[in-house]
N, C-alpha and C. Protein backbone atom coordinates (compact mmCIF):
# COMPACT_ATOMS: atom_id res chain seq x y z
N MET A 1 -28.25 -11.73 8.18
CA MET A 1 -27.26 -10.66 8.19
C MET A 1 -27.89 -9.42 7.58
N SER A 2 -27.66 -8.29 8.22
CA SER A 2 -28.25 -7.05 7.72
C SER A 2 -27.62 -6.66 6.39
N ASP A 3 -28.34 -5.82 5.64
CA ASP A 3 -27.84 -5.35 4.36
C ASP A 3 -26.53 -4.59 4.52
N GLN A 4 -26.43 -3.83 5.59
CA GLN A 4 -25.22 -3.04 5.83
C GLN A 4 -24.01 -3.97 6.05
N ARG A 5 -24.21 -5.03 6.79
CA ARG A 5 -23.13 -5.99 7.02
C ARG A 5 -22.74 -6.70 5.72
N LYS A 6 -23.72 -7.04 4.92
CA LYS A 6 -23.44 -7.69 3.64
C LYS A 6 -22.62 -6.77 2.74
N ILE A 7 -23.00 -5.52 2.69
CA ILE A 7 -22.28 -4.55 1.85
C ILE A 7 -20.85 -4.40 2.36
N PHE A 8 -20.69 -4.26 3.68
CA PHE A 8 -19.35 -4.08 4.22
C PHE A 8 -18.51 -5.35 4.05
N THR A 9 -19.13 -6.51 4.19
CA THR A 9 -18.42 -7.77 3.97
C THR A 9 -17.90 -7.85 2.55
N GLN A 10 -18.70 -7.40 1.61
CA GLN A 10 -18.28 -7.39 0.20
C GLN A 10 -17.11 -6.42 0.00
N ILE A 11 -17.18 -5.25 0.61
CA ILE A 11 -16.09 -4.27 0.53
C ILE A 11 -14.83 -4.88 1.14
N TYR A 12 -14.98 -5.52 2.29
CA TYR A 12 -13.84 -6.16 2.97
C TYR A 12 -13.20 -7.21 2.06
N ASP A 13 -14.02 -8.12 1.56
CA ASP A 13 -13.51 -9.20 0.71
C ASP A 13 -12.80 -8.67 -0.53
N GLU A 14 -13.31 -7.60 -1.08
CA GLU A 14 -12.75 -7.03 -2.30
C GLU A 14 -11.42 -6.31 -2.06
N HIS A 15 -11.24 -5.75 -0.88
CA HIS A 15 -10.08 -4.88 -0.64
C HIS A 15 -9.05 -5.36 0.37
N ILE A 16 -9.33 -6.41 1.12
CA ILE A 16 -8.44 -6.82 2.21
C ILE A 16 -7.03 -7.11 1.72
N ASP A 17 -6.88 -7.86 0.65
CA ASP A 17 -5.54 -8.22 0.18
C ASP A 17 -4.75 -7.00 -0.29
N LYS A 18 -5.42 -6.11 -0.98
CA LYS A 18 -4.74 -4.90 -1.49
C LYS A 18 -4.32 -3.98 -0.35
N ILE A 19 -5.20 -3.81 0.62
CA ILE A 19 -4.87 -2.94 1.75
C ILE A 19 -3.72 -3.55 2.56
N TYR A 20 -3.76 -4.85 2.77
CA TYR A 20 -2.68 -5.51 3.50
C TYR A 20 -1.35 -5.33 2.77
N ARG A 21 -1.35 -5.59 1.47
CA ARG A 21 -0.12 -5.45 0.68
C ARG A 21 0.42 -4.02 0.74
N PHE A 22 -0.49 -3.06 0.63
CA PHE A 22 -0.12 -1.64 0.69
C PHE A 22 0.59 -1.33 2.02
N ILE A 23 0.03 -1.82 3.11
CA ILE A 23 0.61 -1.58 4.44
C ILE A 23 1.91 -2.37 4.61
N ALA A 24 1.91 -3.62 4.17
CA ALA A 24 3.09 -4.48 4.34
C ALA A 24 4.32 -3.92 3.64
N LEU A 25 4.12 -3.22 2.55
CA LEU A 25 5.24 -2.61 1.85
C LEU A 25 5.82 -1.43 2.61
N LYS A 26 5.11 -0.96 3.62
CA LYS A 26 5.54 0.24 4.35
C LYS A 26 6.04 -0.02 5.77
N VAL A 27 5.75 -1.17 6.33
CA VAL A 27 6.16 -1.44 7.71
C VAL A 27 7.15 -2.60 7.74
N ASN A 28 7.83 -2.75 8.85
CA ASN A 28 8.90 -3.74 8.93
C ASN A 28 8.52 -5.04 9.61
N SER A 29 7.24 -5.30 9.72
CA SER A 29 6.81 -6.50 10.43
C SER A 29 5.46 -6.98 9.90
N GLN A 30 5.38 -8.28 9.69
CA GLN A 30 4.13 -8.87 9.23
C GLN A 30 3.04 -8.69 10.30
N ASP A 31 3.42 -8.82 11.56
CA ASP A 31 2.46 -8.64 12.65
C ASP A 31 1.90 -7.22 12.68
N ILE A 32 2.79 -6.24 12.52
CA ILE A 32 2.35 -4.84 12.50
C ILE A 32 1.45 -4.60 11.30
N ALA A 33 1.82 -5.16 10.16
CA ALA A 33 1.00 -4.99 8.95
C ALA A 33 -0.40 -5.57 9.17
N GLN A 34 -0.47 -6.73 9.80
CA GLN A 34 -1.77 -7.34 10.08
C GLN A 34 -2.58 -6.49 11.05
N ASP A 35 -1.92 -5.99 12.09
CA ASP A 35 -2.61 -5.14 13.06
C ASP A 35 -3.15 -3.87 12.41
N LEU A 36 -2.32 -3.21 11.61
CA LEU A 36 -2.76 -1.97 10.96
C LEU A 36 -3.85 -2.22 9.93
N CYS A 37 -3.76 -3.36 9.26
CA CYS A 37 -4.80 -3.71 8.30
C CYS A 37 -6.13 -3.95 9.03
N SER A 38 -6.07 -4.68 10.14
CA SER A 38 -7.28 -4.91 10.93
C SER A 38 -7.87 -3.59 11.42
N GLU A 39 -7.00 -2.73 11.92
CA GLU A 39 -7.46 -1.43 12.43
C GLU A 39 -8.08 -0.60 11.31
N THR A 40 -7.55 -0.72 10.10
CA THR A 40 -8.11 -0.01 8.95
C THR A 40 -9.58 -0.38 8.77
N PHE A 41 -9.85 -1.67 8.81
CA PHE A 41 -11.23 -2.13 8.58
C PHE A 41 -12.13 -1.88 9.79
N VAL A 42 -11.57 -1.90 10.99
CA VAL A 42 -12.36 -1.56 12.18
C VAL A 42 -12.82 -0.11 12.08
N ARG A 43 -11.89 0.78 11.74
CA ARG A 43 -12.25 2.20 11.62
C ARG A 43 -13.24 2.43 10.48
N ALA A 44 -13.03 1.73 9.39
CA ALA A 44 -13.96 1.87 8.26
C ALA A 44 -15.35 1.38 8.66
N TRP A 45 -15.41 0.27 9.39
CA TRP A 45 -16.70 -0.27 9.84
C TRP A 45 -17.42 0.72 10.75
N LYS A 46 -16.66 1.34 11.66
CA LYS A 46 -17.28 2.32 12.56
C LYS A 46 -17.93 3.44 11.78
N CYS A 47 -17.23 3.96 10.79
CA CYS A 47 -17.80 5.04 9.97
C CYS A 47 -18.98 4.53 9.16
N PHE A 48 -18.82 3.35 8.59
CA PHE A 48 -19.87 2.76 7.77
C PHE A 48 -21.11 2.49 8.62
N ASN A 49 -20.89 1.99 9.82
CA ASN A 49 -21.98 1.65 10.73
C ASN A 49 -22.71 2.90 11.25
N GLU A 50 -21.99 4.03 11.30
CA GLU A 50 -22.60 5.29 11.73
C GLU A 50 -23.28 6.01 10.57
N ASN A 51 -23.39 5.32 9.45
CA ASN A 51 -24.04 5.85 8.24
C ASN A 51 -23.39 7.12 7.71
N LYS A 52 -22.07 7.26 7.94
CA LYS A 52 -21.36 8.39 7.36
C LYS A 52 -21.27 8.17 5.86
N LYS A 53 -21.38 9.24 5.10
CA LYS A 53 -21.36 9.13 3.65
C LYS A 53 -19.94 8.83 3.18
N ILE A 54 -19.80 7.69 2.51
CA ILE A 54 -18.52 7.27 1.95
C ILE A 54 -18.74 7.07 0.46
N ASP A 55 -18.28 8.05 -0.33
CA ASP A 55 -18.50 7.99 -1.77
C ASP A 55 -17.66 6.92 -2.45
N ASN A 56 -16.43 6.76 -1.99
CA ASN A 56 -15.51 5.80 -2.61
C ASN A 56 -14.87 4.95 -1.52
N PRO A 57 -15.41 3.78 -1.24
CA PRO A 57 -14.88 2.94 -0.16
C PRO A 57 -13.39 2.61 -0.34
N GLN A 58 -12.98 2.37 -1.57
CA GLN A 58 -11.58 2.05 -1.84
C GLN A 58 -10.67 3.20 -1.42
N ALA A 59 -10.98 4.39 -1.85
CA ALA A 59 -10.17 5.57 -1.49
C ALA A 59 -10.20 5.78 0.02
N PHE A 60 -11.36 5.57 0.62
CA PHE A 60 -11.51 5.73 2.06
C PHE A 60 -10.60 4.75 2.81
N LEU A 61 -10.57 3.49 2.38
CA LEU A 61 -9.73 2.48 3.03
C LEU A 61 -8.24 2.82 2.88
N TYR A 62 -7.84 3.23 1.70
CA TYR A 62 -6.42 3.59 1.50
C TYR A 62 -6.04 4.80 2.36
N GLN A 63 -6.94 5.74 2.49
CA GLN A 63 -6.65 6.92 3.31
C GLN A 63 -6.48 6.52 4.78
N ILE A 64 -7.36 5.67 5.26
CA ILE A 64 -7.24 5.19 6.64
C ILE A 64 -5.91 4.46 6.81
N ALA A 65 -5.59 3.57 5.86
CA ALA A 65 -4.35 2.79 5.95
C ALA A 65 -3.13 3.71 5.93
N ARG A 66 -3.12 4.68 5.04
CA ARG A 66 -1.99 5.63 4.98
C ARG A 66 -1.84 6.37 6.30
N ASN A 67 -2.94 6.83 6.86
CA ASN A 67 -2.89 7.56 8.13
C ASN A 67 -2.41 6.67 9.27
N LEU A 68 -2.83 5.42 9.29
CA LEU A 68 -2.38 4.50 10.33
C LEU A 68 -0.88 4.22 10.23
N VAL A 69 -0.38 4.08 9.02
CA VAL A 69 1.06 3.87 8.84
C VAL A 69 1.83 5.10 9.32
N ILE A 70 1.35 6.27 8.96
CA ILE A 70 1.99 7.52 9.40
C ILE A 70 1.98 7.60 10.92
N ASP A 71 0.82 7.31 11.52
CA ASP A 71 0.71 7.34 12.98
C ASP A 71 1.65 6.32 13.62
N HIS A 72 1.75 5.16 13.01
CA HIS A 72 2.64 4.11 13.53
C HIS A 72 4.07 4.63 13.61
N TYR A 73 4.55 5.25 12.56
CA TYR A 73 5.93 5.75 12.56
C TYR A 73 6.12 6.97 13.46
N ARG A 74 5.08 7.76 13.59
CA ARG A 74 5.17 8.90 14.51
C ARG A 74 5.29 8.40 15.95
N GLU A 75 4.48 7.41 16.28
CA GLU A 75 4.50 6.87 17.64
C GLU A 75 5.82 6.17 17.95
N LYS A 76 6.34 5.46 17.03
CA LYS A 76 7.55 4.67 17.26
C LYS A 76 8.82 5.46 17.00
N GLY A 77 8.71 6.59 16.29
CA GLY A 77 9.89 7.39 16.00
C GLY A 77 10.92 6.65 15.18
N ARG A 78 10.45 5.77 14.31
CA ARG A 78 11.35 4.96 13.50
C ARG A 78 11.30 5.41 12.04
N THR A 79 12.29 5.01 11.29
CA THR A 79 12.28 5.24 9.85
C THR A 79 11.67 4.03 9.18
N GLN A 80 11.23 4.21 7.95
CA GLN A 80 10.60 3.10 7.25
C GLN A 80 11.64 2.08 6.79
N THR A 81 11.33 0.83 7.07
CA THR A 81 12.12 -0.27 6.55
C THR A 81 11.16 -1.32 6.03
N ILE A 82 11.65 -2.12 5.13
CA ILE A 82 10.81 -3.17 4.56
C ILE A 82 11.49 -4.50 4.82
N GLN A 83 10.77 -5.42 5.44
CA GLN A 83 11.30 -6.74 5.70
C GLN A 83 10.84 -7.65 4.57
N VAL A 84 11.74 -7.95 3.67
CA VAL A 84 11.44 -8.65 2.43
C VAL A 84 10.81 -10.01 2.67
N GLU A 85 11.28 -10.73 3.66
CA GLU A 85 10.81 -12.10 3.87
C GLU A 85 9.32 -12.18 4.16
N ASN A 86 8.73 -11.12 4.66
CA ASN A 86 7.34 -11.19 5.10
C ASN A 86 6.32 -10.80 4.05
N ILE A 87 6.76 -10.47 2.85
CA ILE A 87 5.81 -10.02 1.84
C ILE A 87 5.68 -11.08 0.75
N PRO A 88 4.51 -11.72 0.67
CA PRO A 88 4.33 -12.83 -0.27
C PRO A 88 4.01 -12.33 -1.68
N LEU A 89 5.03 -11.83 -2.37
CA LEU A 89 4.81 -11.32 -3.72
C LEU A 89 5.25 -12.29 -4.80
N ILE A 90 5.85 -13.39 -4.43
CA ILE A 90 6.38 -14.35 -5.39
C ILE A 90 5.50 -15.60 -5.40
N ASP A 91 5.19 -16.10 -6.59
CA ASP A 91 4.40 -17.30 -6.75
C ASP A 91 5.21 -18.51 -6.27
N GLU A 92 4.69 -19.25 -5.31
CA GLU A 92 5.39 -20.37 -4.70
C GLU A 92 5.57 -21.55 -5.66
N THR A 93 4.85 -21.59 -6.78
CA THR A 93 4.95 -22.71 -7.71
C THR A 93 6.08 -22.53 -8.73
N VAL A 94 6.75 -21.39 -8.72
CA VAL A 94 7.84 -21.12 -9.64
C VAL A 94 9.05 -21.95 -9.24
N ASP A 95 9.83 -22.44 -10.24
CA ASP A 95 10.99 -23.24 -9.89
C ASP A 95 12.02 -22.42 -9.13
N LEU A 96 12.91 -23.11 -8.44
CA LEU A 96 13.84 -22.48 -7.50
C LEU A 96 14.75 -21.46 -8.17
N GLU A 97 15.29 -21.78 -9.34
CA GLU A 97 16.21 -20.85 -10.02
C GLU A 97 15.47 -19.57 -10.43
N GLU A 98 14.31 -19.74 -11.02
CA GLU A 98 13.51 -18.58 -11.43
C GLU A 98 13.09 -17.75 -10.21
N ARG A 99 12.72 -18.45 -9.15
CA ARG A 99 12.31 -17.78 -7.92
C ARG A 99 13.48 -16.99 -7.32
N SER A 100 14.67 -17.57 -7.36
CA SER A 100 15.85 -16.91 -6.84
C SER A 100 16.14 -15.62 -7.61
N LEU A 101 16.03 -15.68 -8.92
CA LEU A 101 16.24 -14.48 -9.75
C LEU A 101 15.20 -13.42 -9.44
N LYS A 102 13.96 -13.83 -9.31
CA LYS A 102 12.90 -12.88 -8.99
C LYS A 102 13.10 -12.26 -7.62
N ASN A 103 13.49 -13.09 -6.64
CA ASN A 103 13.75 -12.58 -5.29
C ASN A 103 14.88 -11.57 -5.28
N SER A 104 15.90 -11.85 -6.06
CA SER A 104 17.03 -10.92 -6.16
C SER A 104 16.57 -9.57 -6.70
N ASP A 105 15.80 -9.61 -7.78
CA ASP A 105 15.26 -8.38 -8.36
C ASP A 105 14.33 -7.68 -7.38
N LEU A 106 13.49 -8.47 -6.71
CA LEU A 106 12.54 -7.92 -5.75
C LEU A 106 13.27 -7.25 -4.58
N ASN A 107 14.35 -7.86 -4.12
CA ASN A 107 15.13 -7.28 -3.04
C ASN A 107 15.70 -5.92 -3.45
N GLU A 108 16.20 -5.84 -4.68
CA GLU A 108 16.74 -4.58 -5.17
C GLU A 108 15.64 -3.51 -5.25
N ILE A 109 14.49 -3.89 -5.76
CA ILE A 109 13.38 -2.95 -5.89
C ILE A 109 12.94 -2.46 -4.52
N LYS A 110 12.80 -3.36 -3.57
CA LYS A 110 12.37 -2.98 -2.23
C LYS A 110 13.39 -2.08 -1.54
N ALA A 111 14.67 -2.37 -1.76
CA ALA A 111 15.71 -1.53 -1.17
C ALA A 111 15.64 -0.11 -1.72
N VAL A 112 15.42 0.00 -3.01
CA VAL A 112 15.30 1.32 -3.63
C VAL A 112 14.03 2.02 -3.15
N MET A 113 12.93 1.28 -3.09
CA MET A 113 11.65 1.87 -2.66
C MET A 113 11.74 2.39 -1.23
N ALA A 114 12.49 1.71 -0.38
CA ALA A 114 12.61 2.13 1.01
C ALA A 114 13.36 3.45 1.14
N ASN A 115 14.08 3.83 0.09
CA ASN A 115 14.90 5.04 0.14
C ASN A 115 14.35 6.21 -0.67
N ILE A 116 13.08 6.12 -1.06
CA ILE A 116 12.46 7.27 -1.73
C ILE A 116 11.38 7.84 -0.82
N LYS A 117 10.93 9.03 -1.15
CA LYS A 117 9.92 9.72 -0.33
C LYS A 117 8.67 8.86 -0.16
N PRO A 118 8.03 8.94 1.00
CA PRO A 118 6.81 8.17 1.23
C PRO A 118 5.71 8.46 0.19
N GLU A 119 5.57 9.71 -0.21
CA GLU A 119 4.53 10.01 -1.21
C GLU A 119 4.86 9.34 -2.54
N TYR A 120 6.15 9.21 -2.87
CA TYR A 120 6.56 8.50 -4.07
C TYR A 120 6.25 7.02 -3.93
N GLN A 121 6.52 6.47 -2.74
CA GLN A 121 6.23 5.06 -2.48
C GLN A 121 4.75 4.77 -2.70
N ASP A 122 3.90 5.65 -2.17
CA ASP A 122 2.45 5.45 -2.30
C ASP A 122 2.03 5.39 -3.76
N VAL A 123 2.47 6.37 -4.53
CA VAL A 123 2.04 6.46 -5.93
C VAL A 123 2.59 5.28 -6.74
N VAL A 124 3.85 4.95 -6.55
CA VAL A 124 4.44 3.82 -7.28
C VAL A 124 3.75 2.51 -6.90
N THR A 125 3.51 2.30 -5.61
CA THR A 125 2.84 1.08 -5.16
C THR A 125 1.43 0.98 -5.74
N LEU A 126 0.69 2.05 -5.65
CA LEU A 126 -0.68 2.01 -6.17
C LEU A 126 -0.72 1.82 -7.68
N HIS A 127 0.23 2.43 -8.39
CA HIS A 127 0.21 2.33 -9.86
C HIS A 127 0.79 1.02 -10.37
N TYR A 128 1.99 0.64 -9.88
CA TYR A 128 2.67 -0.52 -10.44
C TYR A 128 2.41 -1.83 -9.71
N VAL A 129 2.11 -1.79 -8.44
CA VAL A 129 1.83 -3.02 -7.71
C VAL A 129 0.33 -3.32 -7.72
N GLU A 130 -0.47 -2.30 -7.40
CA GLU A 130 -1.91 -2.50 -7.31
C GLU A 130 -2.63 -2.24 -8.64
N ASP A 131 -1.91 -1.71 -9.62
CA ASP A 131 -2.42 -1.52 -10.98
C ASP A 131 -3.60 -0.53 -11.09
N TYR A 132 -3.56 0.53 -10.28
CA TYR A 132 -4.56 1.58 -10.40
C TYR A 132 -4.09 2.62 -11.41
N ASN A 133 -5.03 3.23 -12.10
CA ASN A 133 -4.65 4.28 -13.05
C ASN A 133 -4.54 5.62 -12.33
N VAL A 134 -4.03 6.61 -13.04
CA VAL A 134 -3.75 7.91 -12.45
C VAL A 134 -5.00 8.55 -11.85
N SER A 135 -6.13 8.47 -12.52
CA SER A 135 -7.34 9.10 -11.98
C SER A 135 -7.81 8.40 -10.71
N GLU A 136 -7.68 7.08 -10.63
CA GLU A 136 -8.06 6.36 -9.41
C GLU A 136 -7.13 6.74 -8.25
N ILE A 137 -5.84 6.84 -8.54
CA ILE A 137 -4.87 7.22 -7.51
C ILE A 137 -5.15 8.63 -7.03
N ALA A 138 -5.44 9.53 -7.95
CA ALA A 138 -5.74 10.92 -7.59
C ALA A 138 -6.93 10.97 -6.64
N GLU A 139 -7.94 10.19 -6.92
CA GLU A 139 -9.12 10.16 -6.06
C GLU A 139 -8.78 9.58 -4.68
N MET A 140 -7.98 8.51 -4.66
CA MET A 140 -7.61 7.89 -3.39
C MET A 140 -6.78 8.81 -2.52
N LEU A 141 -5.89 9.56 -3.15
CA LEU A 141 -4.97 10.42 -2.40
C LEU A 141 -5.48 11.85 -2.27
N ASN A 142 -6.67 12.09 -2.83
CA ASN A 142 -7.27 13.42 -2.77
C ASN A 142 -6.34 14.48 -3.38
N LYS A 143 -5.81 14.14 -4.57
CA LYS A 143 -4.93 15.04 -5.31
C LYS A 143 -5.43 15.14 -6.73
N SER A 144 -4.93 16.12 -7.45
CA SER A 144 -5.31 16.25 -8.86
C SER A 144 -4.58 15.20 -9.68
N GLU A 145 -5.13 14.88 -10.85
CA GLU A 145 -4.47 13.92 -11.74
C GLU A 145 -3.10 14.43 -12.16
N GLY A 146 -3.01 15.73 -12.41
CA GLY A 146 -1.73 16.33 -12.79
C GLY A 146 -0.70 16.16 -11.70
N ASN A 147 -1.12 16.36 -10.46
CA ASN A 147 -0.20 16.19 -9.33
C ASN A 147 0.28 14.75 -9.24
N VAL A 148 -0.61 13.80 -9.45
CA VAL A 148 -0.23 12.39 -9.39
C VAL A 148 0.73 12.05 -10.52
N ARG A 149 0.47 12.57 -11.73
CA ARG A 149 1.38 12.32 -12.86
C ARG A 149 2.78 12.87 -12.56
N VAL A 150 2.83 14.09 -12.03
CA VAL A 150 4.13 14.70 -11.70
C VAL A 150 4.82 13.88 -10.61
N THR A 151 4.08 13.49 -9.59
CA THR A 151 4.65 12.70 -8.50
C THR A 151 5.17 11.37 -9.02
N LEU A 152 4.42 10.73 -9.90
CA LEU A 152 4.84 9.45 -10.49
C LEU A 152 6.12 9.65 -11.31
N HIS A 153 6.15 10.72 -12.10
CA HIS A 153 7.34 11.03 -12.90
C HIS A 153 8.55 11.26 -12.01
N ARG A 154 8.38 12.05 -10.97
CA ARG A 154 9.48 12.32 -10.03
C ARG A 154 9.92 11.06 -9.30
N ALA A 155 8.94 10.23 -8.95
CA ALA A 155 9.27 8.97 -8.26
C ALA A 155 10.12 8.08 -9.15
N LEU A 156 9.74 7.96 -10.40
CA LEU A 156 10.50 7.12 -11.33
C LEU A 156 11.90 7.69 -11.55
N LYS A 157 11.98 8.99 -11.63
CA LYS A 157 13.29 9.64 -11.78
C LYS A 157 14.16 9.36 -10.54
N SER A 158 13.57 9.45 -9.37
CA SER A 158 14.28 9.17 -8.12
C SER A 158 14.72 7.71 -8.07
N ILE A 159 13.85 6.82 -8.49
CA ILE A 159 14.16 5.38 -8.50
C ILE A 159 15.33 5.12 -9.45
N ARG A 160 15.26 5.71 -10.64
CA ARG A 160 16.36 5.52 -11.61
C ARG A 160 17.69 5.98 -11.02
N SER A 161 17.69 7.13 -10.36
CA SER A 161 18.95 7.63 -9.79
C SER A 161 19.45 6.72 -8.68
N LYS A 162 18.53 6.16 -7.87
CA LYS A 162 18.93 5.25 -6.80
C LYS A 162 19.50 3.96 -7.39
N ILE A 163 18.91 3.48 -8.49
CA ILE A 163 19.40 2.26 -9.14
C ILE A 163 20.79 2.50 -9.71
N GLU A 164 21.00 3.66 -10.30
CA GLU A 164 22.31 3.98 -10.86
C GLU A 164 23.38 4.06 -9.78
N GLU A 165 23.00 4.42 -8.55
CA GLU A 165 23.94 4.47 -7.43
C GLU A 165 24.42 3.09 -7.02
N VAL A 166 23.54 2.09 -7.24
CA VAL A 166 23.84 0.72 -6.80
C VAL A 166 24.81 0.04 -7.68
């Protein structure tokens, strides 16, 4: 295997789950999430294979994924919905009662997330689900750290108001 393939395989292995989760939180179908995730890596491979300079593979992958999700909704003319059943965020070894409580909380969180601005969804998902810090998110989204902090603050404020409505 060529060095380039080895490097890309390592990038793929390191980021596939995170990119899939990021997309799955934004689309209403596991099949669509899988297709968009695959397309993300196909496009990244094409650029990587053409020896285009990619300073931050992680940021590059998230940007491709974000653009594909946007294109998906533009093409379909649909609003964003989240199909809770298709996102494996709960540990299957947890007992049924605990799992039920977590699913209930998760359903509420997903319902609120579906009703906030997409840019807020991105920042909240990257920070609280994927555990990236503000500077990493800023680099991924090609924004300043200050902008990301403000967006995160506004997103949390929006989430709080949506929760209070429920």
